[in-house]
N, C-alpha and C. Protein backbone atom coordinates (compact mmCIF):
# COMPACT_ATOMS: atom_id res chain seq x y z
N MET A 1 -8.52 147.89 -26.93
CA MET A 1 -8.77 148.34 -25.37
C MET A 1 -7.92 149.62 -25.65
N LYS A 2 -8.60 150.80 -25.00
CA LYS A 2 -7.90 151.98 -25.11
C LYS A 2 -7.83 152.60 -23.72
N ILE A 3 -6.62 153.33 -23.66
CA ILE A 3 -6.12 153.72 -22.15
C ILE A 3 -6.69 154.97 -21.93
N PRO A 4 -7.59 155.77 -21.07
CA PRO A 4 -7.84 157.09 -21.03
C PRO A 4 -6.62 158.06 -20.77
N GLY A 5 -6.43 159.14 -21.38
CA GLY A 5 -5.25 159.94 -21.38
C GLY A 5 -5.66 161.49 -21.86
N PRO A 6 -4.71 162.30 -22.03
CA PRO A 6 -5.00 163.62 -22.43
C PRO A 6 -6.11 163.84 -23.38
N ASP A 7 -5.82 162.89 -24.67
CA ASP A 7 -6.70 163.34 -25.93
C ASP A 7 -8.27 162.60 -25.48
N HIS A 8 -8.40 161.78 -24.33
CA HIS A 8 -9.80 161.50 -24.07
C HIS A 8 -9.87 161.03 -22.48
N PRO A 9 -9.59 162.17 -21.70
CA PRO A 9 -9.75 161.80 -20.16
C PRO A 9 -10.70 160.98 -19.81
N ILE A 10 -10.73 160.38 -18.80
CA ILE A 10 -11.74 159.73 -17.81
C ILE A 10 -11.48 159.93 -16.41
N THR A 11 -12.10 160.38 -15.79
CA THR A 11 -12.03 160.61 -14.23
C THR A 11 -13.05 159.80 -13.21
N ILE A 12 -13.07 159.11 -12.46
CA ILE A 12 -13.88 158.39 -11.44
C ILE A 12 -13.52 159.02 -10.19
N THR A 13 -14.61 159.71 -9.68
CA THR A 13 -14.85 160.34 -8.16
C THR A 13 -15.87 159.81 -7.36
N PRO A 14 -15.63 159.94 -6.16
CA PRO A 14 -16.76 159.59 -5.23
C PRO A 14 -17.60 160.95 -5.10
N GLY A 15 -18.87 160.33 -5.23
CA GLY A 15 -20.30 161.41 -5.12
C GLY A 15 -19.86 162.41 -3.93
N LYS A 16 -20.13 163.50 -4.14
CA LYS A 16 -20.01 164.35 -2.75
C LYS A 16 -21.39 164.33 -1.89
N THR A 17 -22.36 163.69 -2.50
CA THR A 17 -23.57 163.65 -1.65
C THR A 17 -24.14 162.67 -1.72
N ARG A 18 -25.58 162.56 -1.23
CA ARG A 18 -26.40 161.38 -1.81
C ARG A 18 -26.99 161.47 -3.25
N TRP A 19 -26.85 160.33 -3.81
CA TRP A 19 -27.50 160.43 -4.92
C TRP A 19 -29.02 159.36 -5.44
N ARG A 20 -29.97 159.69 -5.85
CA ARG A 20 -31.21 159.12 -6.05
C ARG A 20 -31.94 158.80 -7.57
N VAL A 21 -32.49 157.67 -7.67
CA VAL A 21 -32.95 157.89 -8.93
C VAL A 21 -34.68 157.43 -8.70
N VAL A 22 -35.30 158.02 -9.20
CA VAL A 22 -36.93 157.95 -9.30
C VAL A 22 -37.57 157.53 -10.51
N PHE A 23 -38.19 156.50 -10.52
CA PHE A 23 -39.16 156.01 -12.05
C PHE A 23 -40.36 155.65 -11.20
N GLU A 24 -41.36 156.18 -12.26
CA GLU A 24 -42.57 156.46 -11.78
C GLU A 24 -42.96 156.67 -10.59
N ASN A 25 -42.47 157.55 -9.82
CA ASN A 25 -43.15 157.99 -8.67
C ASN A 25 -42.29 156.88 -7.34
N HIS A 26 -41.10 156.19 -7.93
CA HIS A 26 -40.98 155.36 -6.56
C HIS A 26 -39.30 155.52 -6.54
N VAL A 27 -38.77 155.50 -5.55
CA VAL A 27 -37.21 155.62 -5.63
C VAL A 27 -36.61 154.23 -5.91
N ILE A 28 -35.90 154.02 -6.72
CA ILE A 28 -35.29 152.55 -7.18
C ILE A 28 -33.83 152.90 -6.91
N ALA A 29 -33.56 153.74 -6.25
CA ALA A 29 -31.88 153.64 -6.05
C ALA A 29 -31.45 154.82 -5.32
N ASP A 30 -30.85 154.58 -4.09
CA ASP A 30 -30.74 156.08 -3.15
C ASP A 30 -29.27 155.30 -2.52
N THR A 31 -28.31 156.39 -2.76
CA THR A 31 -26.82 155.63 -2.10
C THR A 31 -26.02 156.95 -1.90
N GLY A 32 -25.08 156.71 -0.56
CA GLY A 32 -24.01 157.70 -0.20
C GLY A 32 -22.69 157.37 -0.90
N ASP A 33 -22.93 156.08 -1.77
CA ASP A 33 -21.57 155.63 -2.29
C ASP A 33 -21.42 155.65 -3.64
N ALA A 34 -22.08 156.46 -4.21
CA ALA A 34 -22.05 156.76 -5.83
C ALA A 34 -20.61 157.19 -6.29
N LEU A 35 -20.60 156.70 -7.34
CA LEU A 35 -19.33 157.33 -8.06
C LEU A 35 -19.47 158.30 -9.38
N VAL A 36 -18.94 159.41 -9.89
CA VAL A 36 -19.38 160.03 -10.75
C VAL A 36 -18.16 159.92 -11.82
N LEU A 37 -18.73 159.36 -12.94
CA LEU A 37 -17.56 158.93 -14.17
C LEU A 37 -17.64 160.60 -15.04
N GLU A 38 -16.48 161.19 -15.01
CA GLU A 38 -16.55 161.89 -16.25
C GLU A 38 -15.64 161.91 -17.25
N GLU A 39 -16.30 161.90 -18.50
CA GLU A 39 -15.27 161.29 -19.92
C GLU A 39 -15.46 162.60 -20.98
N ALA A 40 -14.53 162.72 -21.27
CA ALA A 40 -14.13 163.71 -22.30
C ALA A 40 -15.00 164.82 -22.29
N GLY A 41 -15.85 164.99 -23.47
CA GLY A 41 -17.00 165.90 -23.55
C GLY A 41 -18.34 165.49 -23.17
N TYR A 42 -18.35 164.46 -22.43
CA TYR A 42 -19.74 163.70 -22.19
C TYR A 42 -20.18 164.20 -20.91
N LYS A 43 -21.31 164.08 -20.66
CA LYS A 43 -22.05 164.76 -19.41
C LYS A 43 -21.69 163.54 -18.42
N PRO A 44 -21.35 164.25 -16.90
CA PRO A 44 -21.05 163.13 -16.14
C PRO A 44 -22.28 162.19 -15.77
N VAL A 45 -21.90 160.86 -15.43
CA VAL A 45 -22.61 159.86 -15.18
C VAL A 45 -22.32 159.37 -13.73
N VAL A 46 -23.59 159.09 -13.05
CA VAL A 46 -23.66 158.55 -11.59
C VAL A 46 -23.89 156.92 -11.78
N TYR A 47 -22.64 156.38 -11.24
CA TYR A 47 -22.74 154.71 -10.77
C TYR A 47 -22.98 154.64 -9.45
N PHE A 48 -24.18 153.69 -9.41
CA PHE A 48 -24.76 153.11 -8.07
C PHE A 48 -24.44 151.95 -7.81
N PRO A 49 -23.96 151.45 -6.64
CA PRO A 49 -23.61 150.37 -6.23
C PRO A 49 -25.01 149.48 -6.01
N ARG A 50 -24.86 148.01 -6.66
CA ARG A 50 -26.22 147.35 -6.78
C ARG A 50 -26.69 147.18 -5.26
N GLU A 51 -26.06 146.91 -4.44
CA GLU A 51 -26.62 146.94 -3.10
C GLU A 51 -27.63 148.24 -2.63
N ASN A 52 -27.60 148.89 -3.28
CA ASN A 52 -28.40 150.37 -3.19
C ASN A 52 -29.50 150.85 -4.31
N VAL A 53 -29.78 149.49 -5.13
CA VAL A 53 -30.76 149.63 -6.24
C VAL A 53 -31.57 148.36 -5.94
N SER A 54 -33.20 148.97 -6.41
CA SER A 54 -33.90 147.93 -6.00
C SER A 54 -33.95 146.97 -7.42
N MET A 55 -33.22 145.90 -7.30
CA MET A 55 -32.99 145.09 -8.55
C MET A 55 -34.00 144.28 -8.86
N GLU A 56 -34.92 144.05 -8.04
CA GLU A 56 -36.02 143.38 -8.44
C GLU A 56 -36.98 143.97 -9.31
N TYR A 57 -36.93 145.13 -9.86
CA TYR A 57 -37.47 145.68 -10.50
C TYR A 57 -36.96 145.76 -12.13
N PHE A 58 -35.95 144.94 -12.12
CA PHE A 58 -34.84 144.95 -13.22
C PHE A 58 -34.89 143.66 -14.09
N SER A 59 -34.83 143.57 -15.24
CA SER A 59 -34.73 142.29 -16.08
C SER A 59 -33.67 142.68 -16.89
N LYS A 60 -32.64 141.60 -17.10
CA LYS A 60 -31.51 142.04 -17.98
C LYS A 60 -32.13 141.81 -19.55
N THR A 61 -31.41 142.43 -20.29
CA THR A 61 -32.10 142.31 -21.62
C THR A 61 -30.70 141.62 -22.50
N ASP A 62 -31.09 141.63 -23.77
CA ASP A 62 -29.96 140.98 -24.99
C ASP A 62 -28.91 141.99 -25.34
N ARG A 63 -29.47 143.39 -25.01
CA ARG A 63 -28.22 144.33 -25.76
C ARG A 63 -27.25 144.41 -24.84
N SER A 64 -26.15 144.82 -25.80
CA SER A 64 -24.84 145.24 -25.30
C SER A 64 -24.18 145.95 -26.28
N THR A 65 -23.36 146.86 -25.46
CA THR A 65 -22.49 147.80 -26.47
C THR A 65 -20.97 147.48 -26.04
N HIS A 66 -20.25 148.27 -26.97
CA HIS A 66 -18.81 148.22 -26.44
C HIS A 66 -18.43 149.74 -26.46
N CYS A 67 -17.50 149.74 -25.56
CA CYS A 67 -16.56 151.12 -25.44
C CYS A 67 -15.27 151.10 -25.64
N PRO A 68 -14.61 151.42 -26.37
CA PRO A 68 -12.89 151.13 -26.23
C PRO A 68 -12.31 151.49 -25.09
N TYR A 69 -12.87 152.17 -24.27
CA TYR A 69 -12.25 152.69 -23.18
C TYR A 69 -12.63 151.83 -21.62
N LYS A 70 -14.10 151.39 -21.91
CA LYS A 70 -14.55 150.81 -20.64
C LYS A 70 -14.96 149.45 -20.89
N GLY A 71 -15.14 148.88 -21.87
CA GLY A 71 -15.42 147.59 -22.35
C GLY A 71 -16.84 147.44 -22.49
N ASP A 72 -17.31 146.11 -22.49
CA ASP A 72 -18.59 145.93 -22.93
C ASP A 72 -19.76 146.08 -21.81
N ALA A 73 -20.85 146.86 -21.99
CA ALA A 73 -22.01 146.93 -21.37
C ALA A 73 -22.79 146.32 -21.33
N SER A 74 -23.67 145.87 -20.18
CA SER A 74 -24.73 144.99 -20.34
C SER A 74 -25.99 145.88 -20.20
N TYR A 75 -27.25 145.31 -20.59
CA TYR A 75 -28.43 146.36 -19.98
C TYR A 75 -29.51 145.58 -19.54
N PHE A 76 -30.32 146.62 -18.77
CA PHE A 76 -31.53 146.17 -17.69
C PHE A 76 -32.95 146.89 -18.41
N THR A 77 -34.11 146.55 -18.38
CA THR A 77 -35.29 147.11 -18.35
C THR A 77 -35.95 147.33 -16.89
N ILE A 78 -36.33 148.32 -16.76
CA ILE A 78 -37.11 148.63 -15.26
C ILE A 78 -38.75 148.20 -15.80
N LEU A 79 -38.96 147.52 -15.20
CA LEU A 79 -40.68 147.29 -15.07
C LEU A 79 -41.22 147.31 -13.57
N MET A 80 -42.20 148.27 -13.39
CA MET A 80 -42.66 148.91 -11.93
C MET A 80 -44.19 148.88 -12.43
N ASP A 81 -45.09 148.47 -11.67
CA ASP A 81 -46.24 149.09 -11.62
C ASP A 81 -47.19 149.26 -13.05
N GLY A 82 -46.89 148.14 -14.11
CA GLY A 82 -47.28 148.44 -15.40
C GLY A 82 -46.55 149.04 -16.47
N HIS A 83 -45.31 149.64 -16.21
CA HIS A 83 -44.54 150.72 -16.33
C HIS A 83 -43.48 150.11 -16.95
N PHE A 84 -42.71 150.27 -18.08
CA PHE A 84 -41.44 149.91 -18.24
C PHE A 84 -40.61 150.89 -18.91
N ALA A 85 -39.17 150.88 -18.87
CA ALA A 85 -38.27 151.70 -19.38
C ALA A 85 -37.30 150.52 -20.11
N ASP A 86 -37.23 150.38 -21.14
CA ASP A 86 -36.46 149.49 -22.07
C ASP A 86 -34.91 149.83 -21.95
N ASN A 87 -34.22 149.26 -21.78
CA ASN A 87 -32.66 149.41 -21.36
C ASN A 87 -32.26 150.78 -20.94
N ALA A 88 -32.84 150.95 -19.71
CA ALA A 88 -32.96 152.57 -19.26
C ALA A 88 -31.62 152.29 -18.39
N VAL A 89 -30.69 151.12 -18.12
CA VAL A 89 -29.96 151.02 -17.06
C VAL A 89 -28.82 150.01 -17.63
N TRP A 90 -27.67 150.81 -17.30
CA TRP A 90 -26.59 149.86 -17.84
C TRP A 90 -25.23 149.42 -16.91
N SER A 91 -24.55 148.48 -17.24
CA SER A 91 -23.50 148.11 -15.99
C SER A 91 -22.20 147.40 -16.84
N TYR A 92 -21.22 147.57 -16.50
CA TYR A 92 -19.74 147.23 -16.84
C TYR A 92 -19.55 145.68 -15.98
N GLU A 93 -20.06 144.93 -16.37
CA GLU A 93 -19.67 143.77 -15.51
C GLU A 93 -18.24 143.39 -15.68
N GLU A 94 -17.63 143.21 -16.58
CA GLU A 94 -16.27 142.88 -16.66
C GLU A 94 -15.50 144.38 -17.21
N PRO A 95 -15.11 145.31 -16.74
CA PRO A 95 -14.44 146.59 -17.15
C PRO A 95 -13.13 146.36 -17.50
N PHE A 96 -12.62 147.00 -18.50
CA PHE A 96 -11.05 147.03 -18.57
C PHE A 96 -10.40 147.55 -17.24
N PRO A 97 -9.14 147.22 -17.19
CA PRO A 97 -8.67 147.33 -16.01
C PRO A 97 -8.80 148.94 -15.35
N ALA A 98 -8.11 149.88 -16.38
CA ALA A 98 -8.58 150.99 -15.98
C ALA A 98 -9.85 151.64 -15.30
N MET A 99 -10.83 151.04 -15.60
CA MET A 99 -12.22 151.47 -15.09
C MET A 99 -12.74 150.26 -14.03
N GLU A 100 -11.79 149.70 -13.52
CA GLU A 100 -12.22 148.58 -12.28
C GLU A 100 -13.32 149.09 -11.34
N GLN A 101 -12.94 150.30 -10.98
CA GLN A 101 -13.82 151.23 -10.14
C GLN A 101 -15.46 150.90 -10.30
N ILE A 102 -16.10 150.93 -11.80
CA ILE A 102 -17.38 150.87 -11.81
C ILE A 102 -17.94 149.37 -12.08
N ARG A 103 -16.98 148.40 -11.76
CA ARG A 103 -17.52 146.90 -12.01
C ARG A 103 -18.65 146.83 -11.46
N GLY A 104 -19.48 146.22 -12.27
CA GLY A 104 -20.98 145.81 -11.59
C GLY A 104 -22.06 146.84 -11.04
N ARG A 105 -21.23 148.08 -10.96
CA ARG A 105 -22.19 148.97 -10.58
C ARG A 105 -22.92 149.53 -11.70
N LEU A 106 -24.26 150.25 -11.34
CA LEU A 106 -25.32 150.63 -12.51
C LEU A 106 -25.27 152.20 -12.79
N ALA A 107 -25.61 152.44 -13.76
CA ALA A 107 -25.98 153.69 -14.40
C ALA A 107 -27.35 153.76 -15.03
N PHE A 108 -27.88 154.89 -14.93
CA PHE A 108 -29.16 155.13 -15.55
C PHE A 108 -29.14 156.12 -16.76
N TYR A 109 -30.06 155.97 -17.91
CA TYR A 109 -30.34 157.05 -18.73
C TYR A 109 -31.18 158.14 -18.23
N PRO A 110 -30.82 159.26 -18.03
CA PRO A 110 -31.46 160.62 -17.36
C PRO A 110 -32.90 160.80 -18.22
N ASP A 111 -32.77 160.54 -19.45
CA ASP A 111 -34.23 160.74 -20.11
C ASP A 111 -35.14 159.48 -19.86
N LYS A 112 -34.90 158.32 -19.03
CA LYS A 112 -36.08 157.44 -18.40
C LYS A 112 -36.24 157.49 -17.13
N VAL A 113 -35.23 157.92 -16.44
CA VAL A 113 -35.52 158.33 -15.10
C VAL A 113 -35.36 159.57 -14.71
N ASP A 114 -35.39 159.94 -13.28
CA ASP A 114 -34.88 161.16 -12.74
C ASP A 114 -33.65 160.80 -11.94
N ILE A 115 -32.42 161.56 -12.10
CA ILE A 115 -31.53 161.01 -11.34
C ILE A 115 -31.11 162.35 -10.60
N TYR A 116 -30.79 162.35 -9.39
CA TYR A 116 -30.24 163.61 -8.90
C TYR A 116 -30.03 163.47 -7.21
N ALA A 117 -29.21 164.48 -7.33
CA ALA A 117 -28.36 164.52 -6.11
C ALA A 117 -29.14 165.24 -4.75
N VAL A 118 -28.83 164.58 -3.57
CA VAL A 118 -29.66 164.87 -2.42
C VAL A 118 -28.91 165.31 -1.30
N GLU A 119 -28.82 166.62 -0.61
CA GLU A 119 -28.06 167.17 0.41
C GLU A 119 -28.98 166.97 1.53
N ASP A 120 -28.39 166.29 2.46
CA ASP A 120 -29.33 165.89 3.70
C ASP A 120 -30.98 165.51 3.30
N ASP A 121 -31.82 166.03 3.86
CA ASP A 121 -33.16 166.01 3.37
C ASP A 121 -33.58 166.84 2.31
N ILE A 122 -32.67 167.67 1.92
CA ILE A 122 -33.32 168.54 0.84
C ILE A 122 -32.86 168.22 -0.63
N VAL A 123 -33.93 167.83 -1.44
CA VAL A 123 -33.80 167.70 -2.84
C VAL A 123 -33.00 169.06 -3.53
N ASP A 124 -32.00 168.47 -4.49
CA ASP A 124 -31.36 169.53 -5.42
C ASP A 124 -32.62 170.43 -5.90
N PRO A 125 -32.28 171.76 -5.40
CA PRO A 125 -33.12 172.88 -5.90
C PRO A 125 -33.50 172.72 -7.37
N ALA A 126 -32.41 172.62 -8.27
CA ALA A 126 -32.33 172.65 -9.79
C ALA A 126 -33.47 171.39 -10.23
N HIS A 127 -33.58 170.58 -9.38
CA HIS A 127 -34.35 169.21 -9.90
C HIS A 127 -35.85 169.73 -9.81
N HIS A 128 -36.82 169.23 -10.54
CA HIS A 128 -38.02 169.68 -10.33
C HIS A 128 -39.22 168.98 -9.21
N HIS A 129 -38.41 168.24 -8.65
CA HIS A 129 -38.99 167.74 -7.36
C HIS A 129 -38.81 168.52 -6.23
N THR A 130 -39.72 168.76 -5.60
CA THR A 130 -39.70 169.57 -4.23
C THR A 130 -39.78 168.49 -2.86
N LYS A 131 -39.13 168.97 -2.02
CA LYS A 131 -39.04 168.45 -0.86
C LYS A 131 -40.36 167.77 -0.46
N LEU A 132 -41.81 168.08 -0.53
CA LEU A 132 -42.91 167.50 -0.31
C LEU A 132 -42.81 166.44 -1.30
N ILE A 133 -42.82 166.27 -2.48
CA ILE A 133 -43.01 165.36 -3.37
C ILE A 133 -42.06 164.24 -2.83
N ASP A 134 -40.71 164.40 -2.53
CA ASP A 134 -39.62 163.67 -2.18
C ASP A 134 -40.01 163.22 -0.76
N GLU A 135 -40.48 163.60 0.13
CA GLU A 135 -41.07 162.77 1.24
C GLU A 135 -42.07 162.10 1.06
N VAL A 136 -43.23 162.48 0.20
CA VAL A 136 -44.14 161.34 -0.09
C VAL A 136 -43.78 160.06 -0.89
N ILE A 137 -42.82 160.40 -1.93
CA ILE A 137 -42.15 159.26 -2.47
C ILE A 137 -41.46 158.26 -1.62
N GLN A 138 -40.81 158.80 -0.49
CA GLN A 138 -40.22 158.01 0.57
C GLN A 138 -41.17 157.26 1.51
N HIS A 139 -42.60 157.82 1.40
CA HIS A 139 -43.42 157.13 2.53
C HIS A 139 -44.64 156.18 1.20
N THR A 140 -44.26 156.06 0.16
CA THR A 140 -44.92 155.23 -0.93
C THR A 140 -44.81 153.74 -0.75
N ASP A 141 -45.40 152.79 -1.05
CA ASP A 141 -45.27 151.62 -1.00
C ASP A 141 -44.37 151.35 -2.34
N SER A 142 -43.06 150.59 -1.83
CA SER A 142 -41.98 150.53 -2.77
C SER A 142 -42.52 149.21 -3.74
N GLY A 143 -43.58 148.42 -3.52
CA GLY A 143 -44.15 147.47 -4.32
C GLY A 143 -43.79 146.23 -3.55
N SER A 144 -43.32 146.23 -2.57
CA SER A 144 -42.84 145.09 -1.64
C SER A 144 -44.16 144.81 -0.51
N GLY A 145 -44.75 145.91 -0.65
CA GLY A 145 -45.91 145.57 0.29
C GLY A 145 -45.72 146.45 1.98
N SER A 146 -45.00 147.31 1.70
CA SER A 146 -44.25 148.51 2.83
C SER A 146 -43.91 149.47 2.14
N SER A 147 -44.16 150.69 2.99
CA SER A 147 -43.41 151.78 2.59
C SER A 147 -41.90 151.61 2.79
N GLN A 148 -41.29 152.87 2.02
CA GLN A 148 -39.80 152.79 2.29
C GLN A 148 -39.18 153.31 3.58
N LYS A 149 -40.06 154.09 4.06
CA LYS A 149 -39.89 154.99 5.33
C LYS A 149 -40.95 154.63 6.06
N ILE A 150 -40.84 154.75 7.67
CA ILE A 150 -41.67 154.49 8.61
C ILE A 150 -43.15 155.47 8.35
N HIS A 151 -44.15 154.53 8.59
CA HIS A 151 -45.36 155.38 8.13
C HIS A 151 -45.55 156.75 8.86
N TRP A 152 -46.06 157.39 8.33
CA TRP A 152 -46.52 158.72 9.29
C TRP A 152 -47.52 158.35 10.24
N PRO A 153 -47.50 158.90 11.28
CA PRO A 153 -48.69 158.89 12.43
C PRO A 153 -49.77 159.11 11.80
N PRO A 154 -51.02 158.66 12.42
CA PRO A 154 -52.48 158.68 11.77
C PRO A 154 -52.79 160.19 12.04
N THR A 155 -53.73 160.84 11.40
CA THR A 155 -54.03 162.16 11.62
C THR A 155 -55.41 162.16 12.31
N GLU A 156 -55.97 161.17 12.81
CA GLU A 156 -57.17 161.04 13.34
C GLU A 156 -56.97 159.78 14.54
N GLU A 157 -57.74 160.18 15.56
CA GLU A 157 -57.45 159.38 16.72
C GLU A 157 -58.50 158.02 16.28
N PRO A 158 -58.03 156.63 16.89
CA PRO A 158 -58.87 155.59 16.07
C PRO A 158 -60.33 155.70 17.06
N ILE A 159 -61.37 155.27 16.11
CA ILE A 159 -62.72 155.15 16.89
C ILE A 159 -62.78 154.11 17.74
N ARG A 160 -63.35 154.48 19.18
CA ARG A 160 -63.27 153.63 20.19
C ARG A 160 -64.85 152.80 19.84
N THR A 161 -64.48 151.47 20.21
CA THR A 161 -65.81 150.79 20.27
C THR A 161 -66.06 150.23 21.48
N ASP A 162 -65.35 150.38 22.34
CA ASP A 162 -65.49 149.80 23.87
C ASP A 162 -66.37 150.63 24.57
N LEU A 163 -66.83 151.65 24.18
CA LEU A 163 -67.90 152.47 25.09
C LEU A 163 -69.12 151.96 25.67
């Protein structure tokens, strides 16, 4: 076990906005309680609390890796609508004491899912999604049989049959 320090700095800070993960046009994670881990020369990693992730689409795999600073990571495959992303998600179930804040949280590989910051209802303009696409995603069936937001109102009046 190594301790982060000047030669290998690791910082964990609360996300300053909401964060979202999209897989195959479905929002599978959305939180205002993200943690952003910045480690040495690596790109920042966003960690999501499990209660804000659609765990029903994940299955734990046999893969594990070891980080001398964080501990042992376990992995999950995402399976949704016949599409899968093998080992796309990882979690430190029992991290080393210095990384206790990320215990049980989930992180995603950005080459397997879309991860982006959301400010109010506007998607980060640097991301390729537009506000319209983002709105459609939120009204799409999550796989549970209902949309993730209240349905849009009908565009036509119902046909009256009592005349």
